[in-house]
Amino acid sequence: MIPVCNGRENIKLTLAEIEDKVKTARRVLIIYDCDEDNTLPVVREWTDTKRDIALVKNKYGRGVLTAIKTGFEAVEERLILVTMVALSDDLSKVDEMFKKINDGYDIVCGSRYMRGGEQQGGAWLKKLLSKAAGISLHFSTGLPTHDVTNSFKMYTKKVLNDIKIESRGGFEIGMEIVIKAFQKGYRSTEGPSSWCDRERGNTRFRLWKWLPKYMKWYCFAINTRCHLIH
């Protein structure tokens, strides 16, 4: 699933990279906000010859959070991978993530902060906060990933159907799902992945706007862990 917003500059490269690097059978859902989105003509041109791509309009309006929720509801397969149109995620890892799902895991997190993972570029403060949150939650609560804030995750539909999503901001939805799934006893794991800062287009990430939303789920994980201990 790829949420997009005027991603004309990246979408063809992203679809080509999926075709080149992902061997697992798949259907690509591209979630868009409005009919004027400049991504759509490029996708329609591509789908003239490719039948494994579907355009899905955001049923809740605009924004990355509601786009992701729309995608979760639209998927018909037993699992879903979230990635971005920014060409920042390491799509060569998708087949390995799929193998872990078949080994019995419910969520597989792409991890920049475990051994073998890396992050290239990006704002230093965003990286610092993200890494601190992921590593501290891993060691303080036992959360089975060093990188809970990364959106590059594969989920089973079973988990998504069982989690009540309460996020109100944006990309913190992935953090919420992993924390709640862990507390419900679902099996999660991680695999090393690299993240590269986007070189073209505009980012939809808003650090100062969404930071309090991430902090909500960070505190939720810590507080729940403390209650379980006591």
C-alpha atoms as a PDB file:
ATOM      1  CA  MET A   1       0.000   0.000   0.000  1.00  0.00           C
ATOM      2  CA  ILE A   2       1.328   3.415  -1.004  1.00  0.00           C
ATOM      3  CA  PRO A   3      -0.356   6.612   0.229  1.00  0.00           C
ATOM      4  CA  VAL A   4       0.284   9.425  -2.250  1.00  0.00           C
ATOM      5  CA  CYS A   5      -0.218  13.167  -2.529  1.00  0.00           C
ATOM      6  CA  ASN A   6       0.973  14.755  -5.781  1.00  0.00           C
ATOM      7  CA  GLY A   7       3.693  12.139  -6.129  1.00  0.00           C
ATOM      8  CA  ARG A   8       4.133  12.450  -9.880  1.00  0.00           C
ATOM      9  CA  GLU A   9       7.897  12.818  -9.556  1.00  0.00           C
ATOM     10  CA  ASN A  10       8.327   9.533  -7.708  1.00  0.00           C
ATOM     11  CA  ILE A  11       5.509   7.126  -8.510  1.00  0.00           C
ATOM     12  CA  LYS A  12       6.824   5.667 -11.764  1.00  0.00           C
ATOM     13  CA  LEU A  13      10.235   5.055 -10.195  1.00  0.00           C
ATOM     14  CA  THR A  14       8.582   3.486  -7.156  1.00  0.00           C
ATOM     15  CA  LEU A  15       6.472   1.114  -9.252  1.00  0.00           C
ATOM     16  CA  ALA A  16       9.508   0.173 -11.341  1.00  0.00           C
ATOM     17  CA  GLU A  17      11.480  -0.544  -8.186  1.00  0.00           C
ATOM     18  CA  ILE A  18       8.700  -2.768  -6.836  1.00  0.00           C
ATOM     19  CA  GLU A  19       8.671  -4.710 -10.095  1.00  0.00           C
ATOM     20  CA  ASP A  20      12.456  -5.054 -10.067  1.00  0.00           C
ATOM     21  CA  LYS A  21      13.047  -5.883  -6.404  1.00  0.00           C
ATOM     22  CA  VAL A  22       9.923  -7.665  -5.133  1.00  0.00           C
ATOM     23  CA  LYS A  23       9.490 -11.250  -6.305  1.00  0.00           C
ATOM     24  CA  THR A  24       6.574 -12.067  -3.989  1.00  0.00           C
ATOM     25  CA  ALA A  25       3.190 -12.054  -5.746  1.00  0.00           C
ATOM     26  CA  ARG A  26       1.382  -8.835  -4.853  1.00  0.00           C
ATOM     27  CA  ARG A  27      -1.262  -6.254  -5.635  1.00  0.00           C
ATOM     28  CA  VAL A  28      -0.297  -2.599  -5.288  1.00  0.00           C
ATOM     29  CA  LEU A  29      -2.872  -0.267  -3.737  1.00  0.00           C
ATOM     30  CA  ILE A  30      -2.218   3.419  -4.353  1.00  0.00           C
ATOM     31  CA  ILE A  31      -4.293   5.552  -1.977  1.00  0.00           C
ATOM     32  CA  TYR A  32      -4.960   9.123  -3.102  1.00  0.00           C
ATOM     33  CA  ASP A  33      -6.859  12.031  -1.573  1.00  0.00           C
ATOM     34  CA  CYS A  34      -8.471  13.852  -4.492  1.00  0.00           C
ATOM     35  CA  ASP A  35      -9.134  13.490  -8.200  1.00  0.00           C
ATOM     36  CA  GLU A  36      -6.790  16.408  -8.967  1.00  0.00           C
ATOM     37  CA  ASP A  37      -3.759  14.554  -7.563  1.00  0.00           C
ATOM     38  CA  ASN A  38      -1.009  14.686 -10.189  1.00  0.00           C
ATOM     39  CA  THR A  39      -0.023  11.095  -9.369  1.00  0.00           C
ATOM     40  CA  LEU A  40      -3.113   9.673 -11.052  1.00  0.00           C
ATOM     41  CA  PRO A  41      -2.328  10.247 -14.759  1.00  0.00           C
ATOM     42  CA  VAL A  42       1.069   8.604 -14.320  1.00  0.00           C
ATOM     43  CA  VAL A  43      -0.439   5.587 -12.561  1.00  0.00           C
ATOM     44  CA  ARG A  44      -3.173   5.207 -15.179  1.00  0.00           C
ATOM     45  CA  GLU A  45      -0.564   5.245 -17.919  1.00  0.00           C
ATOM     46  CA  TRP A  46       1.363   2.547 -16.064  1.00  0.00           C
ATOM     47  CA  THR A  47      -1.724   0.383 -15.472  1.00  0.00           C
ATOM     48  CA  ASP A  48      -2.445   0.207 -19.177  1.00  0.00           C
ATOM     49  CA  THR A  49       0.025  -2.669 -19.223  1.00  0.00           C
ATOM     50  CA  LYS A  50       0.113  -3.694 -15.534  1.00  0.00           C
ATOM     51  CA  ARG A  51      -2.939  -5.294 -13.917  1.00  0.00           C
ATOM     52  CA  ASP A  52      -1.621  -5.713 -10.379  1.00  0.00           C
ATOM     53  CA  ILE A  53      -2.083  -2.028  -9.473  1.00  0.00           C
ATOM     54  CA  ALA A  54      -5.272  -0.424  -8.133  1.00  0.00           C
ATOM     55  CA  LEU A  55      -6.129   3.182  -7.366  1.00  0.00           C
ATOM     56  CA  VAL A  56      -8.172   3.658  -4.181  1.00  0.00           C
ATOM     57  CA  LYS A  57      -9.586   7.031  -3.162  1.00  0.00           C
ATOM     58  CA  ASN A  58      -9.218   8.084   0.475  1.00  0.00           C
ATOM     59  CA  LYS A  59     -12.720   7.483   1.849  1.00  0.00           C
ATOM     60  CA  TYR A  60     -12.185   9.749   4.861  1.00  0.00           C
ATOM     61  CA  GLY A  61     -11.032  12.908   3.109  1.00  0.00           C
ATOM     62  CA  ARG A  62      -7.395  13.986   3.123  1.00  0.00           C
ATOM     63  CA  GLY A  63      -4.225  13.122   4.991  1.00  0.00           C
ATOM     64  CA  VAL A  64      -1.792  10.252   5.393  1.00  0.00           C
ATOM     65  CA  LEU A  65      -3.520   8.804   8.470  1.00  0.00           C
ATOM     66  CA  THR A  66      -6.881   8.415   6.754  1.00  0.00           C
ATOM     67  CA  ALA A  67      -5.171   7.207   3.573  1.00  0.00           C
ATOM     68  CA  ILE A  68      -3.509   4.400   5.531  1.00  0.00           C
ATOM     69  CA  LYS A  69      -6.794   3.529   7.251  1.00  0.00           C
ATOM     70  CA  THR A  70      -8.524   3.445   3.864  1.00  0.00           C
ATOM     71  CA  GLY A  71      -5.854   1.082   2.568  1.00  0.00           C
ATOM     72  CA  PHE A  72      -6.183  -1.210   5.569  1.00  0.00           C
ATOM     73  CA  GLU A  73      -9.908  -1.491   4.928  1.00  0.00           C
ATOM     74  CA  ALA A  74      -9.532  -1.936   1.168  1.00  0.00           C
ATOM     75  CA  VAL A  75      -7.012  -4.757   1.224  1.00  0.00           C
ATOM     76  CA  GLU A  76      -8.439  -8.171   0.394  1.00  0.00           C
ATOM     77  CA  GLU A  77      -5.295 -10.245   0.870  1.00  0.00           C
ATOM     78  CA  ARG A  78      -4.155 -11.776   4.154  1.00  0.00           C
ATOM     79  CA  LEU A  79      -1.392  -9.226   4.709  1.00  0.00           C
ATOM     80  CA  ILE A  80      -0.393  -5.715   3.799  1.00  0.00           C
ATOM     81  CA  LEU A  81       2.884  -3.810   3.537  1.00  0.00           C
ATOM     82  CA  VAL A  82       2.987  -0.054   4.002  1.00  0.00           C
ATOM     83  CA  THR A  83       5.618   1.858   2.045  1.00  0.00           C
ATOM     84  CA  MET A  84       5.990   5.411   0.820  1.00  0.00           C
ATOM     85  CA  VAL A  85       6.205   6.919  -2.643  1.00  0.00           C
ATOM     86  CA  ALA A  86       9.353   8.801  -1.574  1.00  0.00           C
ATOM     87  CA  LEU A  87      11.723   5.978  -2.605  1.00  0.00           C
ATOM     88  CA  SER A  88      13.109   6.023   0.925  1.00  0.00           C
ATOM     89  CA  ASP A  89      12.335   2.414   1.943  1.00  0.00           C
ATOM     90  CA  ASP A  90      14.497  -0.581   1.054  1.00  0.00           C
ATOM     91  CA  LEU A  91      12.141  -2.622  -1.127  1.00  0.00           C
ATOM     92  CA  SER A  92      14.738  -5.367  -1.560  1.00  0.00           C
ATOM     93  CA  LYS A  93      13.751  -6.450   1.976  1.00  0.00           C
ATOM     94  CA  VAL A  94      10.102  -7.158   1.140  1.00  0.00           C
ATOM     95  CA  ASP A  95      10.620 -10.818   0.226  1.00  0.00           C
ATOM     96  CA  GLU A  96      12.496 -11.409   3.492  1.00  0.00           C
ATOM     97  CA  MET A  97       9.660  -9.767   5.418  1.00  0.00           C
ATOM     98  CA  PHE A  98       7.145 -11.994   3.656  1.00  0.00           C
ATOM     99  CA  LYS A  99       9.181 -15.071   4.615  1.00  0.00           C
ATOM    100  CA  LYS A 100       9.018 -14.057   8.279  1.00  0.00           C
ATOM    101  CA  ILE A 101       5.226 -13.720   8.012  1.00  0.00           C
ATOM    102  CA  ASN A 102       5.124 -17.261   6.632  1.00  0.00           C
ATOM    103  CA  ASP A 103       7.276 -18.361   9.579  1.00  0.00           C
ATOM    104  CA  GLY A 104       4.378 -17.400  11.858  1.00  0.00           C
ATOM    105  CA  TYR A 105       4.841 -13.726  12.704  1.00  0.00           C
ATOM    106  CA  ASP A 106       1.935 -11.295  12.637  1.00  0.00           C
ATOM    107  CA  ILE A 107       3.966  -8.103  12.121  1.00  0.00           C
ATOM    108  CA  VAL A 108       7.404  -7.587  10.580  1.00  0.00           C
ATOM    109  CA  CYS A 109       9.053  -4.206  11.134  1.00  0.00           C
ATOM    110  CA  GLY A 110      11.710  -2.791   8.872  1.00  0.00           C
ATOM    111  CA  SER A 111      14.386  -1.627  11.337  1.00  0.00           C
ATOM    112  CA  ARG A 112      16.962   1.090  10.760  1.00  0.00           C
ATOM    113  CA  TYR A 113      18.379   0.793  14.262  1.00  0.00           C
ATOM    114  CA  MET A 114      19.142  -2.907  14.636  1.00  0.00           C
ATOM    115  CA  ARG A 115      22.393  -4.478  13.492  1.00  0.00           C
ATOM    116  CA  GLY A 116      22.538  -4.351   9.691  1.00  0.00           C
ATOM    117  CA  GLY A 117      20.070  -1.463   9.394  1.00  0.00           C
ATOM    118  CA  GLU A 118      20.950   2.109   8.527  1.00  0.00           C
ATOM    119  CA  GLN A 119      19.563   5.565   7.906  1.00  0.00           C
ATOM    120  CA  GLN A 120      21.075   7.861   5.308  1.00  0.00           C
ATOM    121  CA  GLY A 121      20.303  11.558   5.489  1.00  0.00           C
ATOM    122  CA  GLY A 122      17.231  13.123   7.016  1.00  0.00           C
ATOM    123  CA  ALA A 123      16.900  15.722   9.753  1.00  0.00           C
ATOM    124  CA  TRP A 124      19.250  14.923  12.642  1.00  0.00           C
ATOM    125  CA  LEU A 125      16.675  15.793  15.327  1.00  0.00           C
ATOM    126  CA  LYS A 126      14.028  13.565  13.782  1.00  0.00           C
ATOM    127  CA  LYS A 127      16.557  10.723  13.604  1.00  0.00           C
ATOM    128  CA  LEU A 128      17.671  11.263  17.207  1.00  0.00           C
ATOM    129  CA  LEU A 129      14.128  11.235  18.582  1.00  0.00           C
ATOM    130  CA  SER A 130      13.086   8.248  16.486  1.00  0.00           C
ATOM    131  CA  LYS A 131      16.131   6.190  17.456  1.00  0.00           C
ATOM    132  CA  ALA A 132      15.826   7.099  21.145  1.00  0.00           C
ATOM    133  CA  ALA A 133      12.153   6.113  21.185  1.00  0.00           C
ATOM    134  CA  GLY A 134      12.714   2.818  19.412  1.00  0.00           C
ATOM    135  CA  ILE A 135      15.717   1.623  21.394  1.00  0.00           C
ATOM    136  CA  SER A 136      14.392   2.739  24.796  1.00  0.00           C
ATOM    137  CA  LEU A 137      11.032   1.015  24.237  1.00  0.00           C
ATOM    138  CA  HIS A 138      12.794  -2.132  23.054  1.00  0.00           C
ATOM    139  CA  PHE A 139      14.838  -2.437  26.236  1.00  0.00           C
ATOM    140  CA  SER A 140      12.324  -1.054  28.738  1.00  0.00           C
ATOM    141  CA  THR A 141       9.192  -2.883  27.577  1.00  0.00           C
ATOM    142  CA  GLY A 142      10.500  -5.832  25.544  1.00  0.00           C
ATOM    143  CA  LEU A 143       8.914  -4.541  22.345  1.00  0.00           C
ATOM    144  CA  PRO A 144      10.431  -6.827  19.667  1.00  0.00           C
ATOM    145  CA  THR A 145      11.766  -4.073  17.425  1.00  0.00           C
ATOM    146  CA  HIS A 146      14.407  -1.363  17.775  1.00  0.00           C
ATOM    147  CA  ASP A 147      12.516   0.874  15.342  1.00  0.00           C
ATOM    148  CA  VAL A 148       8.864   1.202  16.310  1.00  0.00           C
ATOM    149  CA  THR A 149       8.418   4.560  14.535  1.00  0.00           C
ATOM    150  CA  ASN A 150       9.329   3.324  11.052  1.00  0.00           C
ATOM    151  CA  SER A 151       6.267   3.123   8.773  1.00  0.00           C
ATOM    152  CA  PHE A 152       7.841   0.364   6.664  1.00  0.00           C
ATOM    153  CA  LYS A 153       5.994  -2.590   8.191  1.00  0.00           C
ATOM    154  CA  MET A 154       4.161  -5.706   7.045  1.00  0.00           C
ATOM    155  CA  TYR A 155       0.971  -6.672   8.905  1.00  0.00           C
ATOM    156  CA  THR A 156      -1.387  -9.608   8.755  1.00  0.00           C
ATOM    157  CA  LYS A 157      -5.003  -8.687   8.138  1.00  0.00           C
ATOM    158  CA  LYS A 158      -5.860 -10.605  11.325  1.00  0.00           C
ATOM    159  CA  VAL A 159      -3.954  -8.084  13.452  1.00  0.00           C
ATOM    160  CA  LEU A 160      -5.460  -5.078  11.696  1.00  0.00           C
ATOM    161  CA  ASN A 161      -8.969  -6.433  12.226  1.00  0.00           C
ATOM    162  CA  ASP A 162      -8.286  -6.849  15.948  1.00  0.00           C
ATOM    163  CA  ILE A 163      -6.751  -3.429  16.665  1.00  0.00           C
ATOM    164  CA  LYS A 164      -8.911  -0.405  17.360  1.00  0.00           C
ATOM    165  CA  ILE A 165      -7.016   2.477  15.748  1.00  0.00           C
ATOM    166  CA  GLU A 166      -7.117   5.666  17.797  1.00  0.00           C
ATOM    167  CA  SER A 167      -4.341   7.707  16.174  1.00  0.00           C
ATOM    168  CA  ARG A 168      -5.322  11.240  15.191  1.00  0.00           C
ATOM    169  CA  GLY A 169      -2.139  12.569  13.621  1.00  0.00           C
ATOM    170  CA  GLY A 170      -0.325  10.736  10.843  1.00  0.00           C
ATOM    171  CA  PHE A 171       2.473   8.197  10.664  1.00  0.00           C
ATOM    172  CA  GLU A 172       2.280   7.337  14.379  1.00  0.00           C
ATOM    173  CA  ILE A 173      -0.434   4.848  13.416  1.00  0.00           C
ATOM    174  CA  GLY A 174       2.262   2.228  12.801  1.00  0.00           C
ATOM    175  CA  MET A 175       3.662   2.763  16.276  1.00  0.00           C
ATOM    176  CA  GLU A 176       0.204   2.394  17.820  1.00  0.00           C
ATOM    177  CA  ILE A 177      -0.492  -0.876  16.002  1.00  0.00           C
ATOM    178  CA  VAL A 178       2.821  -2.501  16.959  1.00  0.00           C
ATOM    179  CA  ILE A 179       2.462  -1.549  20.638  1.00  0.00           C
ATOM    180  CA  LYS A 180      -1.153  -2.709  20.886  1.00  0.00           C
ATOM    181  CA  ALA A 181      -0.450  -5.932  18.983  1.00  0.00           C
ATOM    182  CA  PHE A 182       2.453  -6.723  21.328  1.00  0.00           C
ATOM    183  CA  GLN A 183       0.247  -6.176  24.363  1.00  0.00           C
ATOM    184  CA  LYS A 184      -2.410  -8.461  22.867  1.00  0.00           C
ATOM    185  CA  GLY A 185       0.133 -11.250  22.457  1.00  0.00           C
ATOM    186  CA  TYR A 186       0.617 -11.159  18.701  1.00  0.00           C
ATOM    187  CA  ARG A 187       4.024 -12.196  17.394  1.00  0.00           C
ATOM    188  CA  SER A 188       6.136  -9.362  16.004  1.00  0.00           C
ATOM    189  CA  THR A 189       9.699  -9.293  14.765  1.00  0.00           C
ATOM    190  CA  GLU A 190      12.035  -7.070  12.775  1.00  0.00           C
ATOM    191  CA  GLY A 191      14.537  -7.214   9.970  1.00  0.00           C
ATOM    192  CA  PRO A 192      17.354  -4.820   9.071  1.00  0.00           C
ATOM    193  CA  SER A 193      16.384  -2.176   6.564  1.00  0.00           C
ATOM    194  CA  SER A 194      17.938   0.990   5.224  1.00  0.00           C
ATOM    195  CA  TRP A 195      16.190   4.333   4.860  1.00  0.00           C
ATOM    196  CA  CYS A 196      17.425   7.071   2.542  1.00  0.00           C
ATOM    197  CA  ASP A 197      16.303  10.678   2.619  1.00  0.00           C
ATOM    198  CA  ARG A 198      14.110  11.491  -0.377  1.00  0.00           C
ATOM    199  CA  GLU A 199      15.803  13.389  -3.179  1.00  0.00           C
ATOM    200  CA  ARG A 200      12.743  14.787  -4.964  1.00  0.00           C
ATOM    201  CA  GLY A 201       9.204  15.901  -4.150  1.00  0.00           C
ATOM    202  CA  ASN A 202       7.824  17.102  -0.819  1.00  0.00           C
ATOM    203  CA  THR A 203       7.613  15.175   2.423  1.00  0.00           C
ATOM    204  CA  ARG A 204       4.307  14.670   4.253  1.00  0.00           C
ATOM    205  CA  PHE A 205       6.048  14.265   7.600  1.00  0.00           C
ATOM    206  CA  ARG A 206       5.465  17.115  10.085  1.00  0.00           C
ATOM    207  CA  LEU A 207       7.771  16.629  13.090  1.00  0.00           C
ATOM    208  CA  TRP A 208       6.489  19.276  15.478  1.00  0.00           C
ATOM    209  CA  LYS A 209       2.862  18.665  14.598  1.00  0.00           C
ATOM    210  CA  TRP A 210       3.066  14.921  15.103  1.00  0.00           C
ATOM    211  CA  LEU A 211       5.621  14.657  17.914  1.00  0.00           C
ATOM    212  CA  PRO A 212       2.942  14.846  20.658  1.00  0.00           C
ATOM    213  CA  LYS A 213       1.079  12.015  18.890  1.00  0.00           C
ATOM    214  CA  TYR A 214       4.166   9.803  19.003  1.00  0.00           C
ATOM    215  CA  MET A 215       4.714  10.728  22.660  1.00  0.00           C
ATOM    216  CA  LYS A 216       1.173   9.589  23.450  1.00  0.00           C
ATOM    217  CA  TRP A 217       1.910   6.052  22.284  1.00  0.00           C
ATOM    218  CA  TYR A 218       5.380   6.066  23.822  1.00  0.00           C
ATOM    219  CA  CYS A 219       3.859   6.885  27.221  1.00  0.00           C
ATOM    220  CA  PHE A 220       1.066   4.383  26.603  1.00  0.00           C
ATOM    221  CA  ALA A 221       3.636   1.597  26.103  1.00  0.00           C
ATOM    222  CA  ILE A 222       5.605   2.571  29.212  1.00  0.00           C
ATOM    223  CA  ASN A 223       2.525   2.953  31.427  1.00  0.00           C
ATOM    224  CA  THR A 224       1.000  -0.326  30.286  1.00  0.00           C
ATOM    225  CA  ARG A 225       4.267  -2.110  30.948  1.00  0.00           C
ATOM    226  CA  CYS A 226       4.425  -0.637  34.451  1.00  0.00           C
ATOM    227  CA  HIS A 227       0.873  -1.775  35.202  1.00  0.00           C
ATOM    228  CA  LEU A 228       1.690  -5.292  34.047  1.00  0.00           C
ATOM    229  CA  ILE A 229       4.750  -5.426  36.301  1.00  0.00           C
ATOM    230  CA  HIS A 230       2.802  -4.281  39.351  1.00  0.00           C
END
